[in-house]
Amino acid sequence: MTTIQLYPVHSTSIKAIGYDVRSKTLAVEFQSGKLYYYFEVPPDLYEDFRQTPSLGIFFQDHIRDQFAYDLVG
């Protein structure tokens, strides 16, 4: 599995995010320390996620339950 570089974010629920363009994989690390990879996430959705004022709400509305995922760590 590809290791995706994570970038810290300001959020009460999300600690860091990252994205691999080639595989269209989004990495989301939660404040709990759990790391998930979400698959086949379009690059423009990642950009919208990265720039949204509320990562938690965007995640709930546009990512959670929308994409296949794996718990990585």
PDB file of N, CA and C in Angstrom:
ATOM      1  N   MET A   1       0.848  -1.187   0.000  1.00  0.00           N
ATOM      2  CA  MET A   1       0.000   0.000   0.000  1.00  0.00           C
ATOM      3  C   MET A   1       0.886   1.240   0.000  1.00  0.00           C
ATOM      4  N   THR A   2       0.476   2.251  -0.724  1.00  0.00           N
ATOM      5  CA  THR A   2       1.201   3.505  -0.830  1.00  0.00           C
ATOM      6  C   THR A   2       1.162   4.260   0.491  1.00  0.00           C
ATOM      7  N   THR A   3       2.293   4.840   0.873  1.00  0.00           N
ATOM      8  CA  THR A   3       2.328   5.726   2.031  1.00  0.00           C
ATOM      9  C   THR A   3       2.093   7.145   1.538  1.00  0.00           C
ATOM     10  N   ILE A   4       1.152   7.811   2.132  1.00  0.00           N
ATOM     11  CA  ILE A   4       0.783   9.154   1.716  1.00  0.00           C
ATOM     12  C   ILE A   4       1.267  10.149   2.763  1.00  0.00           C
ATOM     13  N   GLN A   5       1.958  11.195   2.305  1.00  0.00           N
ATOM     14  CA  GLN A   5       2.428  12.232   3.217  1.00  0.00           C
ATOM     15  C   GLN A   5       1.233  12.986   3.768  1.00  0.00           C
ATOM     16  N   LEU A   6       1.222  13.174   5.075  1.00  0.00           N
ATOM     17  CA  LEU A   6       0.129  13.866   5.743  1.00  0.00           C
ATOM     18  C   LEU A   6       0.526  15.295   6.085  1.00  0.00           C
ATOM     19  N   TYR A   7      -0.449  16.187   6.013  1.00  0.00           N
ATOM     20  CA  TYR A   7      -0.242  17.591   6.342  1.00  0.00           C
ATOM     21  C   TYR A   7      -1.201  17.975   7.469  1.00  0.00           C
ATOM     22  N   PRO A   8      -0.685  18.537   8.546  1.00  0.00           N
ATOM     23  CA  PRO A   8      -1.541  18.930   9.673  1.00  0.00           C
ATOM     24  C   PRO A   8      -2.590  19.949   9.233  1.00  0.00           C
ATOM     25  N   VAL A   9      -3.769  19.843   9.831  1.00  0.00           N
ATOM     26  CA  VAL A   9      -4.860  20.777   9.550  1.00  0.00           C
ATOM     27  C   VAL A   9      -5.445  21.278  10.865  1.00  0.00           C
ATOM     28  N   HIS A  10      -6.196  22.358  10.790  1.00  0.00           N
ATOM     29  CA  HIS A  10      -6.869  22.923  11.954  1.00  0.00           C
ATOM     30  C   HIS A  10      -8.307  22.430  11.972  1.00  0.00           C
ATOM     31  N   SER A  11      -8.577  21.481  12.845  1.00  0.00           N
ATOM     32  CA  SER A  11      -9.913  20.897  12.941  1.00  0.00           C
ATOM     33  C   SER A  11     -10.044  20.229  14.299  1.00  0.00           C
ATOM     34  N   THR A  12     -11.253  20.223  14.838  1.00  0.00           N
ATOM     35  CA  THR A  12     -11.465  19.547  16.112  1.00  0.00           C
ATOM     36  C   THR A  12     -11.555  18.037  15.955  1.00  0.00           C
ATOM     37  N   SER A  13     -11.860  17.561  14.742  1.00  0.00           N
ATOM     38  CA  SER A  13     -12.014  16.124  14.538  1.00  0.00           C
ATOM     39  C   SER A  13     -10.919  15.498  13.677  1.00  0.00           C
ATOM     40  N   ILE A  14     -10.290  16.294  12.820  1.00  0.00           N
ATOM     41  CA  ILE A  14      -9.300  15.777  11.874  1.00  0.00           C
ATOM     42  C   ILE A  14      -7.938  16.377  12.193  1.00  0.00           C
ATOM     43  N   LYS A  15      -6.941  15.507  12.306  1.00  0.00           N
ATOM     44  CA  LYS A  15      -5.584  15.936  12.656  1.00  0.00           C
ATOM     45  C   LYS A  15      -4.749  16.283  11.424  1.00  0.00           C
ATOM     46  N   ALA A  16      -4.868  15.477  10.358  1.00  0.00           N
ATOM     47  CA  ALA A  16      -4.048  15.677   9.163  1.00  0.00           C
ATOM     48  C   ALA A  16      -4.719  15.022   7.961  1.00  0.00           C
ATOM     49  N   ILE A  17      -4.386  15.541   6.771  1.00  0.00           N
ATOM     50  CA  ILE A  17      -4.885  14.952   5.529  1.00  0.00           C
ATOM     51  C   ILE A  17      -3.758  14.891   4.508  1.00  0.00           C
ATOM     52  N   GLY A  18      -3.937  14.033   3.510  1.00  0.00           N
ATOM     53  CA  GLY A  18      -2.989  13.930   2.416  1.00  0.00           C
ATOM     54  C   GLY A  18      -3.681  13.299   1.223  1.00  0.00           C
ATOM     55  N   TYR A  19      -3.000  13.330   0.080  1.00  0.00           N
ATOM     56  CA  TYR A  19      -3.624  12.828  -1.142  1.00  0.00           C
ATOM     57  C   TYR A  19      -2.554  12.320  -2.092  1.00  0.00           C
ATOM     58  N   ASP A  20      -2.826  11.183  -2.716  1.00  0.00           N
ATOM     59  CA  ASP A  20      -1.965  10.635  -3.754  1.00  0.00           C
ATOM     60  C   ASP A  20      -2.703  10.748  -5.087  1.00  0.00           C
ATOM     61  N   VAL A  21      -2.186  11.593  -5.980  1.00  0.00           N
ATOM     62  CA  VAL A  21      -2.852  11.875  -7.246  1.00  0.00           C
ATOM     63  C   VAL A  21      -2.926  10.639  -8.135  1.00  0.00           C
ATOM     64  N   ARG A  22      -1.837   9.874  -8.213  1.00  0.00           N
ATOM     65  CA  ARG A  22      -1.820   8.720  -9.117  1.00  0.00           C
ATOM     66  C   ARG A  22      -2.874   7.682  -8.763  1.00  0.00           C
ATOM     67  N   SER A  23      -3.030   7.401  -7.484  1.00  0.00           N
ATOM     68  CA  SER A  23      -3.999   6.373  -7.088  1.00  0.00           C
ATOM     69  C   SER A  23      -5.352   6.957  -6.670  1.00  0.00           C
ATOM     70  N   LYS A  24      -5.453   8.299  -6.646  1.00  0.00           N
ATOM     71  CA  LYS A  24      -6.671   8.986  -6.208  1.00  0.00           C
ATOM     72  C   LYS A  24      -7.088   8.548  -4.808  1.00  0.00           C
ATOM     73  N   THR A  25      -6.079   8.460  -3.924  1.00  0.00           N
ATOM     74  CA  THR A  25      -6.318   8.019  -2.556  1.00  0.00           C
ATOM     75  C   THR A  25      -6.184   9.191  -1.596  1.00  0.00           C
ATOM     76  N   LEU A  26      -7.215   9.391  -0.801  1.00  0.00           N
ATOM     77  CA  LEU A  26      -7.238  10.420   0.226  1.00  0.00           C
ATOM     78  C   LEU A  26      -6.895   9.787   1.566  1.00  0.00           C
ATOM     79  N   ALA A  27      -5.973  10.394   2.292  1.00  0.00           N
ATOM     80  CA  ALA A  27      -5.631   9.942   3.636  1.00  0.00           C
ATOM     81  C   ALA A  27      -6.209  10.938   4.636  1.00  0.00           C
ATOM     82  N   VAL A  28      -6.891  10.418   5.643  1.00  0.00           N
ATOM     83  CA  VAL A  28      -7.449  11.262   6.694  1.00  0.00           C
ATOM     84  C   VAL A  28      -7.050  10.670   8.039  1.00  0.00           C
ATOM     85  N   GLU A  29      -6.304  11.459   8.817  1.00  0.00           N
ATOM     86  CA  GLU A  29      -5.952  11.047  10.177  1.00  0.00           C
ATOM     87  C   GLU A  29      -6.822  11.849  11.134  1.00  0.00           C
ATOM     88  N   PHE A  30      -7.539  11.143  11.987  1.00  0.00           N
ATOM     89  CA  PHE A  30      -8.434  11.784  12.937  1.00  0.00           C
ATOM     90  C   PHE A  30      -7.697  12.109  14.231  1.00  0.00           C
ATOM     91  N   GLN A  31      -8.274  12.985  15.024  1.00  0.00           N
ATOM     92  CA  GLN A  31      -7.665  13.361  16.304  1.00  0.00           C
ATOM     93  C   GLN A  31      -7.476  12.146  17.208  1.00  0.00           C
ATOM     94  N   SER A  32      -8.253  11.110  17.003  1.00  0.00           N
ATOM     95  CA  SER A  32      -8.133   9.868  17.786  1.00  0.00           C
ATOM     96  C   SER A  32      -6.852   9.109  17.465  1.00  0.00           C
ATOM     97  N   GLY A  33      -6.210   9.478  16.337  1.00  0.00           N
ATOM     98  CA  GLY A  33      -5.004   8.777  15.900  1.00  0.00           C
ATOM     99  C   GLY A  33      -5.272   7.752  14.817  1.00  0.00           C
ATOM    100  N   LYS A  34      -6.534   7.457  14.534  1.00  0.00           N
ATOM    101  CA  LYS A  34      -6.863   6.500  13.479  1.00  0.00           C
ATOM    102  C   LYS A  34      -6.639   7.131  12.111  1.00  0.00           C
ATOM    103  N   LEU A  35      -6.053   6.336  11.213  1.00  0.00           N
ATOM    104  CA  LEU A  35      -5.740   6.791   9.865  1.00  0.00           C
ATOM    105  C   LEU A  35      -6.510   5.943   8.867  1.00  0.00           C
ATOM    106  N   TYR A  36      -7.250   6.606   7.992  1.00  0.00           N
ATOM    107  CA  TYR A  36      -8.035   5.927   6.971  1.00  0.00           C
ATOM    108  C   TYR A  36      -7.581   6.380   5.596  1.00  0.00           C
ATOM    109  N   TYR A  37      -7.615   5.443   4.646  1.00  0.00           N
ATOM    110  CA  TYR A  37      -7.402   5.759   3.238  1.00  0.00           C
ATOM    111  C   TYR A  37      -8.741   5.589   2.526  1.00  0.00           C
ATOM    112  N   TYR A  38      -9.142   6.605   1.762  1.00  0.00           N
ATOM    113  CA  TYR A  38     -10.370   6.596   0.968  1.00  0.00           C
ATOM    114  C   TYR A  38      -9.968   6.533  -0.494  1.00  0.00           C
ATOM    115  N   PHE A  39     -10.584   5.630  -1.253  1.00  0.00           N
ATOM    116  CA  PHE A  39     -10.154   5.314  -2.609  1.00  0.00           C
ATOM    117  C   PHE A  39     -11.036   5.950  -3.682  1.00  0.00           C
ATOM    118  N   GLU A  40     -10.402   6.239  -4.821  1.00  0.00           N
ATOM    119  CA  GLU A  40     -11.066   6.811  -5.999  1.00  0.00           C
ATOM    120  C   GLU A  40     -11.707   8.168  -5.700  1.00  0.00           C
ATOM    121  N   VAL A  41     -11.018   8.967  -4.890  1.00  0.00           N
ATOM    122  CA  VAL A  41     -11.480  10.317  -4.574  1.00  0.00           C
ATOM    123  C   VAL A  41     -10.965  11.257  -5.670  1.00  0.00           C
ATOM    124  N   PRO A  42     -11.858  11.962  -6.369  1.00  0.00           N
ATOM    125  CA  PRO A  42     -11.414  12.862  -7.440  1.00  0.00           C
ATOM    126  C   PRO A  42     -10.510  13.978  -6.900  1.00  0.00           C
ATOM    127  N   PRO A  43      -9.520  14.380  -7.689  1.00  0.00           N
ATOM    128  CA  PRO A  43      -8.601  15.437  -7.240  1.00  0.00           C
ATOM    129  C   PRO A  43      -9.301  16.749  -6.893  1.00  0.00           C
ATOM    130  N   ASP A  44     -10.345  17.110  -7.642  1.00  0.00           N
ATOM    131  CA  ASP A  44     -11.038  18.363  -7.343  1.00  0.00           C
ATOM    132  C   ASP A  44     -11.782  18.299  -6.010  1.00  0.00           C
ATOM    133  N   LEU A  45     -12.252  17.122  -5.624  1.00  0.00           N
ATOM    134  CA  LEU A  45     -12.893  16.968  -4.325  1.00  0.00           C
ATOM    135  C   LEU A  45     -11.866  17.126  -3.211  1.00  0.00           C
ATOM    136  N   TYR A  46     -10.665  16.569  -3.414  1.00  0.00           N
ATOM    137  CA  TYR A  46      -9.602  16.759  -2.425  1.00  0.00           C
ATOM    138  C   TYR A  46      -9.276  18.241  -2.266  1.00  0.00           C
ATOM    139  N   GLU A  47      -9.174  18.967  -3.374  1.00  0.00           N
ATOM    140  CA  GLU A  47      -8.877  20.402  -3.299  1.00  0.00           C
ATOM    141  C   GLU A  47      -9.967  21.151  -2.545  1.00  0.00           C
ATOM    142  N   ASP A  48     -11.216  20.802  -2.812  1.00  0.00           N
ATOM    143  CA  ASP A  48     -12.326  21.427  -2.088  1.00  0.00           C
ATOM    144  C   ASP A  48     -12.234  21.103  -0.596  1.00  0.00           C
ATOM    145  N   PHE A  49     -11.910  19.864  -0.269  1.00  0.00           N
ATOM    146  CA  PHE A  49     -11.768  19.426   1.120  1.00  0.00           C
ATOM    147  C   PHE A  49     -10.653  20.202   1.802  1.00  0.00           C
ATOM    148  N   ARG A  50      -9.533  20.314   1.124  1.00  0.00           N
ATOM    149  CA  ARG A  50      -8.360  20.981   1.680  1.00  0.00           C
ATOM    150  C   ARG A  50      -8.642  22.462   1.972  1.00  0.00           C
ATOM    151  N   GLN A  51      -9.506  23.087   1.189  1.00  0.00           N
ATOM    152  CA  GLN A  51      -9.743  24.526   1.303  1.00  0.00           C
ATOM    153  C   GLN A  51     -11.013  24.900   2.067  1.00  0.00           C
ATOM    154  N   THR A  52     -11.787  23.909   2.468  1.00  0.00           N
ATOM    155  CA  THR A  52     -13.043  24.210   3.150  1.00  0.00           C
ATOM    156  C   THR A  52     -12.794  24.808   4.539  1.00  0.00           C
ATOM    157  N   PRO A  53     -13.663  25.692   4.988  1.00  0.00           N
ATOM    158  CA  PRO A  53     -13.499  26.243   6.337  1.00  0.00           C
ATOM    159  C   PRO A  53     -13.838  25.240   7.442  1.00  0.00           C
ATOM    160  N   SER A  54     -14.614  24.195   7.132  1.00  0.00           N
ATOM    161  CA  SER A  54     -14.954  23.190   8.137  1.00  0.00           C
ATOM    162  C   SER A  54     -14.680  21.790   7.591  1.00  0.00           C
ATOM    163  N   LEU A  55     -13.526  21.251   7.945  1.00  0.00           N
ATOM    164  CA  LEU A  55     -13.146  19.920   7.466  1.00  0.00           C
ATOM    165  C   LEU A  55     -14.115  18.846   7.950  1.00  0.00           C
ATOM    166  N   GLY A  56     -14.531  18.927   9.192  1.00  0.00           N
ATOM    167  CA  GLY A  56     -15.425  17.917   9.746  1.00  0.00           C
ATOM    168  C   GLY A  56     -16.754  17.846   9.019  1.00  0.00           C
ATOM    169  N   ILE A  57     -17.356  18.995   8.764  1.00  0.00           N
ATOM    170  CA  ILE A  57     -18.644  19.027   8.062  1.00  0.00           C
ATOM    171  C   ILE A  57     -18.472  18.562   6.622  1.00  0.00           C
ATOM    172  N   PHE A  58     -17.417  19.026   5.956  1.00  0.00           N
ATOM    173  CA  PHE A  58     -17.172  18.609   4.575  1.00  0.00           C
ATOM    174  C   PHE A  58     -16.977  17.100   4.511  1.00  0.00           C
ATOM    175  N   PHE A  59     -16.208  16.569   5.457  1.00  0.00           N
ATOM    176  CA  PHE A  59     -15.971  15.123   5.498  1.00  0.00           C
ATOM    177  C   PHE A  59     -17.288  14.368   5.630  1.00  0.00           C
ATOM    178  N   GLN A  60     -18.121  14.790   6.564  1.00  0.00           N
ATOM    179  CA  GLN A  60     -19.413  14.129   6.786  1.00  0.00           C
ATOM    180  C   GLN A  60     -20.309  14.193   5.550  1.00  0.00           C
ATOM    181  N   ASP A  61     -20.309  15.343   4.886  1.00  0.00           N
ATOM    182  CA  ASP A  61     -21.220  15.565   3.762  1.00  0.00           C
ATOM    183  C   ASP A  61     -20.741  14.985   2.432  1.00  0.00           C
ATOM    184  N   HIS A  62     -19.414  14.907   2.226  1.00  0.00           N
ATOM    185  CA  HIS A  62     -18.913  14.586   0.893  1.00  0.00           C
ATOM    186  C   HIS A  62     -17.975  13.377   0.805  1.00  0.00           C
ATOM    187  N   ILE A  63     -17.488  12.887   1.941  1.00  0.00           N
ATOM    188  CA  ILE A  63     -16.506  11.798   1.889  1.00  0.00           C
ATOM    189  C   ILE A  63     -16.995  10.555   2.637  1.00  0.00           C
ATOM    190  N   ARG A  64     -17.377  10.725   3.877  1.00  0.00           N
ATOM    191  CA  ARG A  64     -17.835   9.581   4.675  1.00  0.00           C
ATOM    192  C   ARG A  64     -19.023   8.918   3.986  1.00  0.00           C
ATOM    193  N   ASP A  65     -18.989   7.623   3.905  1.00  0.00           N
ATOM    194  CA  ASP A  65     -20.042   6.811   3.287  1.00  0.00           C
ATOM    195  C   ASP A  65     -20.167   7.015   1.773  1.00  0.00           C
ATOM    196  N   GLN A  66     -19.229   7.730   1.157  1.00  0.00           N
ATOM    197  CA  GLN A  66     -19.262   7.951  -0.283  1.00  0.00           C
ATOM    198  C   GLN A  66     -18.200   7.150  -1.031  1.00  0.00           C
ATOM    199  N   PHE A  67     -17.141   6.734  -0.319  1.00  0.00           N
ATOM    200  CA  PHE A  67     -16.009   6.074  -0.941  1.00  0.00           C
ATOM    201  C   PHE A  67     -15.612   4.830  -0.170  1.00  0.00           C
ATOM    202  N   ALA A  68     -15.079   3.853  -0.877  1.00  0.00           N
ATOM    203  CA  ALA A  68     -14.503   2.676  -0.225  1.00  0.00           C
ATOM    204  C   ALA A  68     -13.294   3.136   0.586  1.00  0.00           C
ATOM    205  N   TYR A  69     -13.021   2.467   1.705  1.00  0.00           N
ATOM    206  CA  TYR A  69     -11.917   2.891   2.556  1.00  0.00           C
ATOM    207  C   TYR A  69     -11.300   1.715   3.283  1.00  0.00           C
ATOM    208  N   ASP A  70     -10.113   1.965   3.804  1.00  0.00           N
ATOM    209  CA  ASP A  70      -9.423   1.005   4.666  1.00  0.00           C
ATOM    210  C   ASP A  70      -8.903   1.737   5.888  1.00  0.00           C
ATOM    211  N   LEU A  71      -8.962   1.083   7.040  1.00  0.00           N
ATOM    212  CA  LEU A  71      -8.305   1.580   8.248  1.00  0.00           C
ATOM    213  C   LEU A  71      -6.840   1.186   8.132  1.00  0.00           C
ATOM    214  N   VAL A  72      -5.959   2.159   8.077  1.00  0.00           N
ATOM    215  CA  VAL A  72      -4.535   1.905   7.853  1.00  0.00           C
ATOM    216  C   VAL A  72      -3.773   1.877   9.177  1.00  0.00           C
ATOM    217  N   GLY A  73      -4.148   2.718  10.080  1.00  0.00           N
ATOM    218  CA  GLY A  73      -3.418   2.760  11.354  1.00  0.00           C
ATOM    219  C   GLY A  73      -4.235   3.367  12.439  1.00  0.00           C
TER     220      GLY A  73
END
